[in-house]
Amino acid sequence: MPVVRLAVAACLLLLLTACGAGHAADGGSTQQSLQTPDPTAAAERSDLKSDGLVRSLGEGVTLSVSAPTSFTPTSTAYPRAARAVAFELVIDNGSDTVYRPAQLSFVATADGVSTDQVIDSTQGFTGVVGAIDEVQPEKTLRFSVAFGVPDKPCAVRVAVRAASASTTAIPIFDGRI
């Protein structure tokens, strides 16, 4: 059984890496949605820098987001980055059906340029791949995501898309790090 879980995790990592590359390549839609959020997102901007931000993913599922933490990725991190910013996330499944974190996709920019999710399992930053478990109804799941950023302070925007909700990116952070 452990071999099967490892194989599934490896496949998910490959899939997420490939999907991330596709989003970065098309540049227009992902970057545009992060740079010009819809009017309702603009009204929520004031709380995007606060600890404990909560966003609805639809159908009774919420995502809590911590304040960002800057760190230096280890030499085993992929992709390589001089610096990264991490967020601790908690999915709270208040619905009556199972929620699969693999349905989430994150998009991020640093100074307006698309940036990749950094997987640094040595430091506990496993991303959605590390959250392959299903979240049962009325249960929660905690995991972390990280994104490569420049060495110097920069403007960072992060949004999440949930397959079960609309295809619009939901902003979860917009600030300087």
N, C-alpha and C. Protein backbone atom coordinates (compact mmCIF):
# COMPACT_ATOMS: atom_id res chain seq x y z
N MET A 1 0.80 -1.20 0.00
CA MET A 1 0.00 0.00 0.00
C MET A 1 0.85 1.27 0.00
N PRO A 2 1.97 1.33 0.80
CA PRO A 2 2.78 2.54 0.78
C PRO A 2 3.34 2.84 -0.61
N VAL A 3 3.64 1.82 -1.40
CA VAL A 3 4.17 2.01 -2.74
C VAL A 3 3.11 2.67 -3.63
N VAL A 4 1.87 2.25 -3.47
CA VAL A 4 0.77 2.82 -4.26
C VAL A 4 0.61 4.30 -3.92
N ARG A 5 0.64 4.64 -2.64
CA ARG A 5 0.50 6.05 -2.22
C ARG A 5 1.65 6.88 -2.77
N LEU A 6 2.86 6.32 -2.73
CA LEU A 6 4.02 7.03 -3.26
C LEU A 6 3.87 7.24 -4.76
N ALA A 7 3.39 6.24 -5.47
CA ALA A 7 3.19 6.36 -6.92
C ALA A 7 2.13 7.42 -7.24
N VAL A 8 1.05 7.42 -6.45
CA VAL A 8 0.00 8.42 -6.66
C VAL A 8 0.56 9.83 -6.40
N ALA A 9 1.34 9.98 -5.33
CA ALA A 9 1.93 11.28 -5.01
C ALA A 9 2.86 11.74 -6.13
N ALA A 10 3.65 10.83 -6.66
CA ALA A 10 4.57 11.17 -7.76
C ALA A 10 3.79 11.61 -9.00
N CYS A 11 2.72 10.89 -9.31
CA CYS A 11 1.89 11.25 -10.47
C CYS A 11 1.26 12.63 -10.28
N LEU A 12 0.77 12.90 -9.07
CA LEU A 12 0.17 14.21 -8.79
C LEU A 12 1.20 15.32 -8.92
N LEU A 13 2.43 15.08 -8.44
CA LEU A 13 3.48 16.08 -8.55
C LEU A 13 3.77 16.37 -10.02
N LEU A 14 3.86 15.33 -10.82
CA LEU A 14 4.09 15.49 -12.25
C LEU A 14 2.95 16.29 -12.89
N LEU A 15 1.73 15.93 -12.54
CA LEU A 15 0.55 16.60 -13.10
C LEU A 15 0.53 18.07 -12.71
N LEU A 16 0.78 18.36 -11.43
CA LEU A 16 0.76 19.75 -10.98
C LEU A 16 1.88 20.55 -11.60
N THR A 17 3.05 19.94 -11.75
CA THR A 17 4.16 20.64 -12.39
C THR A 17 3.82 20.95 -13.83
N ALA A 18 3.24 19.98 -14.53
CA ALA A 18 2.86 20.20 -15.93
C ALA A 18 1.76 21.25 -16.03
N CYS A 19 0.80 21.21 -15.14
CA CYS A 19 -0.28 22.19 -15.16
C CYS A 19 0.25 23.58 -14.86
N GLY A 20 1.18 23.67 -13.92
CA GLY A 20 1.77 24.97 -13.59
C GLY A 20 2.51 25.54 -14.77
N ALA A 21 3.23 24.68 -15.51
CA ALA A 21 3.96 25.16 -16.68
C ALA A 21 3.00 25.67 -17.73
N GLY A 22 1.87 25.01 -17.89
CA GLY A 22 0.88 25.45 -18.86
C GLY A 22 0.29 26.80 -18.50
N HIS A 23 0.03 27.02 -17.21
CA HIS A 23 -0.51 28.30 -16.79
C HIS A 23 0.51 29.41 -17.02
N ALA A 24 1.78 29.13 -16.74
CA ALA A 24 2.80 30.15 -16.91
C ALA A 24 2.96 30.48 -18.40
N ALA A 25 2.83 29.48 -19.24
CA ALA A 25 3.03 29.69 -20.67
C ALA A 25 1.92 30.54 -21.28
N ASP A 26 0.67 30.35 -20.81
CA ASP A 26 -0.39 31.11 -21.45
C ASP A 26 -0.44 32.55 -20.94
N GLY A 27 0.25 32.83 -19.84
CA GLY A 27 0.46 34.18 -19.32
C GLY A 27 -0.75 35.05 -19.25
N GLY A 28 -1.51 35.19 -20.30
CA GLY A 28 -2.62 36.12 -20.34
C GLY A 28 -3.69 35.88 -19.31
N SER A 29 -4.33 34.74 -19.32
CA SER A 29 -5.49 34.54 -18.45
C SER A 29 -5.11 34.45 -16.99
N THR A 30 -4.08 33.71 -16.63
CA THR A 30 -3.71 33.57 -15.23
C THR A 30 -3.21 34.89 -14.68
N GLN A 31 -2.27 35.50 -15.37
CA GLN A 31 -1.71 36.74 -14.90
C GLN A 31 -2.76 37.84 -14.89
N GLN A 32 -3.58 37.91 -15.88
CA GLN A 32 -4.62 38.93 -15.96
C GLN A 32 -5.58 38.81 -14.79
N SER A 33 -6.00 37.58 -14.45
CA SER A 33 -6.97 37.43 -13.37
C SER A 33 -6.37 37.82 -12.03
N LEU A 34 -5.04 37.69 -11.89
CA LEU A 34 -4.41 38.10 -10.64
C LEU A 34 -4.19 39.61 -10.59
N GLN A 35 -3.92 40.23 -11.72
CA GLN A 35 -3.62 41.65 -11.72
C GLN A 35 -4.88 42.51 -11.69
N THR A 36 -5.97 42.03 -12.25
CA THR A 36 -7.20 42.81 -12.24
C THR A 36 -8.34 41.96 -11.70
N PRO A 37 -8.38 41.80 -10.35
CA PRO A 37 -9.45 41.00 -9.78
C PRO A 37 -10.81 41.65 -10.00
N ASP A 38 -11.86 40.83 -9.91
CA ASP A 38 -13.20 41.36 -10.11
C ASP A 38 -13.56 42.34 -8.98
N PRO A 39 -14.61 43.14 -9.15
CA PRO A 39 -14.96 44.17 -8.17
C PRO A 39 -15.22 43.62 -6.77
N THR A 40 -15.80 42.43 -6.65
CA THR A 40 -16.04 41.89 -5.31
C THR A 40 -14.73 41.54 -4.63
N ALA A 41 -13.75 41.09 -5.39
CA ALA A 41 -12.44 40.78 -4.81
C ALA A 41 -11.78 42.07 -4.34
N ALA A 42 -11.94 43.17 -5.07
CA ALA A 42 -11.34 44.44 -4.67
C ALA A 42 -11.88 44.89 -3.32
N ALA A 43 -13.15 44.65 -3.07
CA ALA A 43 -13.74 45.03 -1.79
C ALA A 43 -13.16 44.21 -0.64
N GLU A 44 -12.67 43.01 -0.94
CA GLU A 44 -12.11 42.14 0.09
C GLU A 44 -10.61 42.33 0.27
N ARG A 45 -9.98 43.19 -0.51
CA ARG A 45 -8.54 43.36 -0.49
C ARG A 45 -8.00 43.74 0.88
N SER A 46 -8.75 44.49 1.65
CA SER A 46 -8.24 44.96 2.92
C SER A 46 -7.87 43.82 3.86
N ASP A 47 -8.48 42.66 3.70
CA ASP A 47 -8.17 41.55 4.60
C ASP A 47 -7.20 40.55 3.99
N LEU A 48 -6.67 40.82 2.81
CA LEU A 48 -5.78 39.86 2.16
C LEU A 48 -4.42 39.75 2.83
N LYS A 49 -4.06 40.68 3.68
CA LYS A 49 -2.77 40.63 4.35
C LYS A 49 -2.91 40.09 5.77
N SER A 50 -4.10 39.84 6.23
CA SER A 50 -4.30 39.46 7.61
C SER A 50 -4.18 37.96 7.83
N ASP A 51 -3.76 37.60 9.04
CA ASP A 51 -3.67 36.20 9.42
C ASP A 51 -5.08 35.66 9.64
N GLY A 52 -5.32 34.43 9.24
CA GLY A 52 -6.61 33.82 9.47
C GLY A 52 -7.66 34.15 8.44
N LEU A 53 -7.25 34.59 7.26
CA LEU A 53 -8.17 34.88 6.17
C LEU A 53 -8.94 33.60 5.81
N VAL A 54 -10.24 33.71 5.62
CA VAL A 54 -11.06 32.55 5.25
C VAL A 54 -11.78 32.85 3.95
N ARG A 55 -11.70 31.91 3.00
CA ARG A 55 -12.37 32.03 1.72
C ARG A 55 -13.25 30.81 1.49
N SER A 56 -14.40 31.02 0.88
CA SER A 56 -15.29 29.92 0.55
C SER A 56 -14.85 29.29 -0.76
N LEU A 57 -14.78 27.96 -0.77
CA LEU A 57 -14.49 27.22 -1.99
C LEU A 57 -15.77 26.67 -2.60
N GLY A 58 -16.90 26.97 -1.99
CA GLY A 58 -18.20 26.54 -2.49
C GLY A 58 -18.70 25.31 -1.77
N GLU A 59 -20.01 25.15 -1.78
CA GLU A 59 -20.69 23.97 -1.25
C GLU A 59 -20.29 23.62 0.19
N GLY A 60 -20.09 24.64 1.05
CA GLY A 60 -19.80 24.41 2.46
C GLY A 60 -18.34 24.15 2.79
N VAL A 61 -17.46 24.28 1.82
CA VAL A 61 -16.03 24.06 2.04
C VAL A 61 -15.33 25.40 2.11
N THR A 62 -14.52 25.61 3.17
CA THR A 62 -13.78 26.85 3.31
C THR A 62 -12.28 26.58 3.36
N LEU A 63 -11.52 27.61 3.00
CA LEU A 63 -10.06 27.55 3.03
C LEU A 63 -9.57 28.69 3.91
N SER A 64 -8.87 28.35 5.01
CA SER A 64 -8.26 29.36 5.87
C SER A 64 -6.80 29.50 5.46
N VAL A 65 -6.32 30.74 5.44
CA VAL A 65 -4.96 31.04 4.96
C VAL A 65 -4.21 31.81 6.03
N SER A 66 -2.99 31.35 6.35
CA SER A 66 -2.17 32.05 7.32
C SER A 66 -1.48 33.25 6.68
N ALA A 67 -0.85 34.05 7.51
CA ALA A 67 0.01 35.11 7.00
C ALA A 67 1.21 34.45 6.31
N PRO A 68 1.81 35.12 5.32
CA PRO A 68 2.94 34.51 4.61
C PRO A 68 4.20 34.44 5.47
N THR A 69 5.04 33.46 5.17
CA THR A 69 6.32 33.29 5.83
C THR A 69 7.38 33.16 4.75
N SER A 70 8.41 34.01 4.82
CA SER A 70 9.51 33.94 3.87
C SER A 70 10.54 32.95 4.40
N PHE A 71 11.11 32.13 3.50
CA PHE A 71 12.13 31.17 3.92
C PHE A 71 13.09 30.88 2.78
N THR A 72 14.21 30.27 3.12
CA THR A 72 15.20 29.85 2.12
C THR A 72 15.00 28.37 1.86
N PRO A 73 14.63 27.99 0.64
CA PRO A 73 14.42 26.57 0.33
C PRO A 73 15.73 25.78 0.44
N THR A 74 15.61 24.51 0.77
CA THR A 74 16.78 23.64 0.86
C THR A 74 17.26 23.27 -0.54
N SER A 75 18.39 22.60 -0.61
CA SER A 75 18.94 22.19 -1.90
C SER A 75 18.11 21.10 -2.56
N THR A 76 17.22 20.46 -1.81
CA THR A 76 16.37 19.41 -2.38
C THR A 76 15.03 19.95 -2.89
N ALA A 77 14.79 21.24 -2.73
CA ALA A 77 13.52 21.84 -3.17
C ALA A 77 13.42 21.82 -4.68
N TYR A 78 12.17 21.71 -5.17
CA TYR A 78 11.93 21.74 -6.61
C TYR A 78 10.75 22.65 -6.91
N PRO A 79 10.86 23.53 -7.86
CA PRO A 79 12.08 23.92 -8.56
C PRO A 79 12.97 24.73 -7.63
N ARG A 80 14.22 24.88 -8.02
CA ARG A 80 15.19 25.64 -7.23
C ARG A 80 14.74 27.09 -7.13
N ALA A 81 14.93 27.67 -5.96
CA ALA A 81 14.59 29.07 -5.75
C ALA A 81 15.49 29.62 -4.66
N ALA A 82 15.92 30.86 -4.81
CA ALA A 82 16.77 31.49 -3.81
C ALA A 82 15.96 31.81 -2.54
N ARG A 83 14.68 32.12 -2.74
CA ARG A 83 13.80 32.46 -1.63
C ARG A 83 12.40 32.01 -1.99
N ALA A 84 11.62 31.73 -0.98
CA ALA A 84 10.23 31.33 -1.21
C ALA A 84 9.35 31.94 -0.12
N VAL A 85 8.08 32.01 -0.42
CA VAL A 85 7.10 32.48 0.56
C VAL A 85 6.07 31.36 0.73
N ALA A 86 5.74 31.07 1.98
CA ALA A 86 4.86 29.94 2.28
C ALA A 86 3.60 30.39 3.00
N PHE A 87 2.54 29.61 2.80
CA PHE A 87 1.26 29.83 3.46
C PHE A 87 0.79 28.52 4.04
N GLU A 88 0.31 28.55 5.27
CA GLU A 88 -0.31 27.37 5.85
C GLU A 88 -1.80 27.48 5.56
N LEU A 89 -2.36 26.39 5.07
CA LEU A 89 -3.76 26.37 4.66
C LEU A 89 -4.53 25.30 5.43
N VAL A 90 -5.79 25.58 5.70
CA VAL A 90 -6.66 24.61 6.35
C VAL A 90 -7.95 24.54 5.55
N ILE A 91 -8.26 23.34 5.08
CA ILE A 91 -9.54 23.10 4.41
C ILE A 91 -10.51 22.59 5.47
N ASP A 92 -11.64 23.25 5.58
CA ASP A 92 -12.69 22.84 6.51
C ASP A 92 -13.88 22.39 5.68
N ASN A 93 -14.16 21.10 5.72
CA ASN A 93 -15.24 20.54 4.92
C ASN A 93 -16.53 20.55 5.73
N GLY A 94 -17.31 21.59 5.55
CA GLY A 94 -18.60 21.70 6.23
C GLY A 94 -19.74 21.13 5.40
N SER A 95 -19.40 20.41 4.33
CA SER A 95 -20.44 19.83 3.48
C SER A 95 -20.74 18.41 3.91
N ASP A 96 -21.63 17.76 3.19
CA ASP A 96 -21.97 16.37 3.50
C ASP A 96 -21.34 15.40 2.50
N THR A 97 -20.37 15.89 1.71
CA THR A 97 -19.66 15.03 0.77
C THR A 97 -18.15 15.16 0.97
N VAL A 98 -17.41 14.19 0.48
CA VAL A 98 -15.95 14.19 0.58
C VAL A 98 -15.38 15.29 -0.32
N TYR A 99 -14.35 16.00 0.17
CA TYR A 99 -13.67 17.01 -0.64
C TYR A 99 -12.26 16.53 -0.94
N ARG A 100 -11.84 16.72 -2.17
CA ARG A 100 -10.50 16.29 -2.60
C ARG A 100 -9.63 17.50 -2.86
N PRO A 101 -8.58 17.71 -2.05
CA PRO A 101 -7.69 18.86 -2.22
C PRO A 101 -7.03 18.91 -3.59
N ALA A 102 -6.92 17.78 -4.27
CA ALA A 102 -6.32 17.77 -5.60
C ALA A 102 -7.13 18.63 -6.57
N GLN A 103 -8.35 19.02 -6.19
CA GLN A 103 -9.18 19.89 -7.02
C GLN A 103 -8.70 21.34 -7.01
N LEU A 104 -7.79 21.67 -6.11
CA LEU A 104 -7.30 23.03 -6.00
C LEU A 104 -6.12 23.27 -6.94
N SER A 105 -6.07 24.47 -7.51
CA SER A 105 -4.89 24.89 -8.25
C SER A 105 -4.56 26.31 -7.83
N PHE A 106 -3.29 26.56 -7.61
CA PHE A 106 -2.84 27.87 -7.14
C PHE A 106 -2.13 28.60 -8.27
N VAL A 107 -2.32 29.91 -8.32
CA VAL A 107 -1.59 30.76 -9.25
C VAL A 107 -0.98 31.88 -8.42
N ALA A 108 0.26 32.23 -8.75
CA ALA A 108 0.95 33.26 -7.99
C ALA A 108 1.82 34.10 -8.93
N THR A 109 1.98 35.37 -8.54
CA THR A 109 2.90 36.25 -9.25
C THR A 109 3.78 36.95 -8.23
N ALA A 110 5.01 37.25 -8.66
CA ALA A 110 5.95 38.04 -7.86
C ALA A 110 6.37 39.20 -8.75
N ASP A 111 6.06 40.41 -8.32
CA ASP A 111 6.30 41.61 -9.14
C ASP A 111 5.68 41.47 -10.53
N GLY A 112 4.49 40.87 -10.60
CA GLY A 112 3.75 40.75 -11.85
C GLY A 112 4.15 39.61 -12.76
N VAL A 113 5.14 38.81 -12.36
CA VAL A 113 5.61 37.69 -13.17
C VAL A 113 5.15 36.38 -12.53
N SER A 114 4.62 35.47 -13.33
CA SER A 114 4.17 34.18 -12.80
C SER A 114 5.32 33.48 -12.08
N THR A 115 4.99 32.83 -10.99
CA THR A 115 6.00 32.10 -10.21
C THR A 115 5.51 30.69 -9.93
N ASP A 116 6.44 29.77 -9.78
CA ASP A 116 6.11 28.37 -9.58
C ASP A 116 5.93 28.03 -8.11
N GLN A 117 5.10 27.02 -7.88
CA GLN A 117 4.97 26.47 -6.54
C GLN A 117 6.25 25.70 -6.23
N VAL A 118 6.79 25.90 -5.03
CA VAL A 118 8.02 25.23 -4.60
C VAL A 118 7.65 24.08 -3.68
N ILE A 119 8.15 22.90 -4.01
CA ILE A 119 7.95 21.73 -3.14
C ILE A 119 9.26 21.53 -2.39
N ASP A 120 9.22 21.68 -1.08
CA ASP A 120 10.40 21.48 -0.22
C ASP A 120 9.96 20.63 0.96
N SER A 121 9.82 19.33 0.70
CA SER A 121 9.29 18.43 1.72
C SER A 121 10.20 18.34 2.93
N THR A 122 11.49 18.65 2.78
CA THR A 122 12.41 18.65 3.91
C THR A 122 11.94 19.65 4.97
N GLN A 123 11.37 20.75 4.53
CA GLN A 123 10.88 21.78 5.46
C GLN A 123 9.36 21.71 5.66
N GLY A 124 8.72 20.72 5.06
CA GLY A 124 7.28 20.54 5.25
C GLY A 124 6.40 21.23 4.24
N PHE A 125 6.98 21.79 3.19
CA PHE A 125 6.19 22.47 2.17
C PHE A 125 5.93 21.49 1.02
N THR A 126 4.84 20.75 1.16
CA THR A 126 4.51 19.69 0.21
C THR A 126 3.46 20.09 -0.80
N GLY A 127 2.83 21.23 -0.60
CA GLY A 127 1.81 21.69 -1.53
C GLY A 127 0.60 20.78 -1.54
N VAL A 128 -0.20 20.91 -2.56
CA VAL A 128 -1.41 20.10 -2.70
C VAL A 128 -1.04 18.62 -2.83
N VAL A 129 0.13 18.35 -3.42
CA VAL A 129 0.58 16.96 -3.57
C VAL A 129 0.66 16.28 -2.22
N GLY A 130 1.11 17.01 -1.21
CA GLY A 130 1.21 16.44 0.13
C GLY A 130 -0.14 16.26 0.79
N ALA A 131 -1.17 16.83 0.20
CA ALA A 131 -2.52 16.76 0.76
C ALA A 131 -3.39 15.87 -0.11
N ILE A 132 -2.89 14.67 -0.40
CA ILE A 132 -3.64 13.79 -1.30
C ILE A 132 -4.83 13.13 -0.61
N ASP A 133 -4.87 13.22 0.71
CA ASP A 133 -5.99 12.62 1.43
C ASP A 133 -7.29 13.33 1.09
N GLU A 134 -8.36 12.61 1.23
CA GLU A 134 -9.68 13.21 1.09
C GLU A 134 -10.06 13.83 2.42
N VAL A 135 -10.83 14.90 2.37
CA VAL A 135 -11.32 15.53 3.58
C VAL A 135 -12.76 15.09 3.75
N GLN A 136 -12.99 14.29 4.75
CA GLN A 136 -14.32 13.77 5.03
C GLN A 136 -15.24 14.89 5.50
N PRO A 137 -16.55 14.71 5.36
CA PRO A 137 -17.50 15.73 5.84
C PRO A 137 -17.25 16.06 7.32
N GLU A 138 -17.34 17.33 7.64
CA GLU A 138 -17.16 17.85 9.00
C GLU A 138 -15.74 17.66 9.53
N LYS A 139 -14.75 17.45 8.66
CA LYS A 139 -13.34 17.29 9.06
C LYS A 139 -12.52 18.41 8.44
N THR A 140 -11.27 18.55 8.90
CA THR A 140 -10.35 19.55 8.37
C THR A 140 -9.05 18.89 7.92
N LEU A 141 -8.33 19.58 7.07
CA LEU A 141 -7.02 19.13 6.60
C LEU A 141 -6.10 20.33 6.55
N ARG A 142 -4.91 20.19 7.12
CA ARG A 142 -3.91 21.26 7.15
C ARG A 142 -2.75 20.88 6.23
N PHE A 143 -2.30 21.84 5.40
CA PHE A 143 -1.13 21.63 4.55
C PHE A 143 -0.52 22.98 4.22
N SER A 144 0.65 22.97 3.60
CA SER A 144 1.35 24.22 3.27
C SER A 144 1.69 24.28 1.80
N VAL A 145 1.68 25.48 1.25
CA VAL A 145 2.13 25.72 -0.12
C VAL A 145 3.18 26.83 -0.07
N ALA A 146 4.11 26.78 -1.02
CA ALA A 146 5.15 27.80 -1.10
C ALA A 146 5.38 28.17 -2.56
N PHE A 147 5.84 29.39 -2.78
CA PHE A 147 6.08 29.89 -4.13
C PHE A 147 7.43 30.58 -4.18
N GLY A 148 8.18 30.36 -5.27
CA GLY A 148 9.47 31.01 -5.44
C GLY A 148 9.30 32.49 -5.68
N VAL A 149 10.12 33.29 -5.01
CA VAL A 149 10.09 34.74 -5.16
C VAL A 149 11.53 35.26 -5.25
N PRO A 150 11.72 36.49 -5.76
CA PRO A 150 13.07 37.06 -5.83
C PRO A 150 13.68 37.25 -4.43
N ASP A 151 15.00 37.40 -4.39
CA ASP A 151 15.72 37.64 -3.12
C ASP A 151 15.29 38.92 -2.43
N LYS A 152 14.94 39.92 -3.21
CA LYS A 152 14.59 41.22 -2.65
C LYS A 152 13.09 41.29 -2.36
N PRO A 153 12.65 42.22 -1.50
CA PRO A 153 11.21 42.38 -1.27
C PRO A 153 10.47 42.61 -2.59
N CYS A 154 9.30 42.04 -2.70
CA CYS A 154 8.54 42.14 -3.95
C CYS A 154 7.04 42.07 -3.66
N ALA A 155 6.26 42.47 -4.65
CA ALA A 155 4.80 42.39 -4.56
C ALA A 155 4.39 40.98 -4.94
N VAL A 156 3.64 40.33 -4.06
CA VAL A 156 3.22 38.94 -4.30
C VAL A 156 1.70 38.88 -4.29
N ARG A 157 1.17 38.18 -5.28
CA ARG A 157 -0.27 37.92 -5.35
C ARG A 157 -0.46 36.41 -5.49
N VAL A 158 -1.38 35.87 -4.71
CA VAL A 158 -1.68 34.44 -4.78
C VAL A 158 -3.19 34.27 -4.84
N ALA A 159 -3.62 33.37 -5.70
CA ALA A 159 -5.05 33.06 -5.82
C ALA A 159 -5.19 31.55 -5.95
N VAL A 160 -6.39 31.08 -5.66
CA VAL A 160 -6.67 29.64 -5.75
C VAL A 160 -7.91 29.45 -6.61
N ARG A 161 -7.91 28.37 -7.36
CA ARG A 161 -9.10 27.97 -8.13
C ARG A 161 -9.54 26.62 -7.59
N ALA A 162 -10.83 26.48 -7.39
CA ALA A 162 -11.40 25.22 -6.91
C ALA A 162 -12.30 24.66 -8.00
N ALA A 163 -12.10 23.40 -8.34
CA ALA A 163 -12.88 22.78 -9.42
C ALA A 163 -14.37 22.76 -9.11
N SER A 164 -14.71 22.64 -7.83
CA SER A 164 -16.13 22.55 -7.49
C SER A 164 -16.81 23.93 -7.44
N ALA A 165 -16.02 24.99 -7.44
CA ALA A 165 -16.59 26.34 -7.44
C ALA A 165 -16.45 26.93 -8.84
N SER A 166 -16.68 28.22 -8.97
CA SER A 166 -16.53 28.86 -10.28
C SER A 166 -15.08 28.80 -10.73
N THR A 167 -14.84 29.06 -11.99
CA THR A 167 -13.48 29.01 -12.52
C THR A 167 -12.71 30.29 -12.22
N THR A 168 -13.35 31.25 -11.57
CA THR A 168 -12.69 32.49 -11.22
C THR A 168 -11.69 32.24 -10.10
N ALA A 169 -10.50 32.83 -10.23
CA ALA A 169 -9.48 32.71 -9.19
C ALA A 169 -9.94 33.49 -7.95
N ILE A 170 -9.79 32.87 -6.79
CA ILE A 170 -10.16 33.49 -5.52
C ILE A 170 -8.88 34.03 -4.89
N PRO A 171 -8.75 35.35 -4.72
CA PRO A 171 -7.53 35.90 -4.14
C PRO A 171 -7.36 35.49 -2.68
N ILE A 172 -6.14 35.07 -2.33
CA ILE A 172 -5.88 34.72 -0.93
C ILE A 172 -4.75 35.53 -0.32
N PHE A 173 -3.97 36.23 -1.16
CA PHE A 173 -2.94 37.13 -0.64
C PHE A 173 -2.57 38.15 -1.71
N ASP A 174 -2.36 39.39 -1.27
CA ASP A 174 -1.91 40.46 -2.15
C ASP A 174 -1.13 41.43 -1.27
N GLY A 175 0.18 41.36 -1.32
CA GLY A 175 0.98 42.22 -0.49
C GLY A 175 2.45 42.19 -0.84
N ARG A 176 3.21 42.91 -0.08
CA ARG A 176 4.66 43.00 -0.29
C ARG A 176 5.35 42.09 0.70
N ILE A 177 6.29 41.30 0.19
CA ILE A 177 7.02 40.36 1.05
C ILE A 177 8.50 40.52 0.80
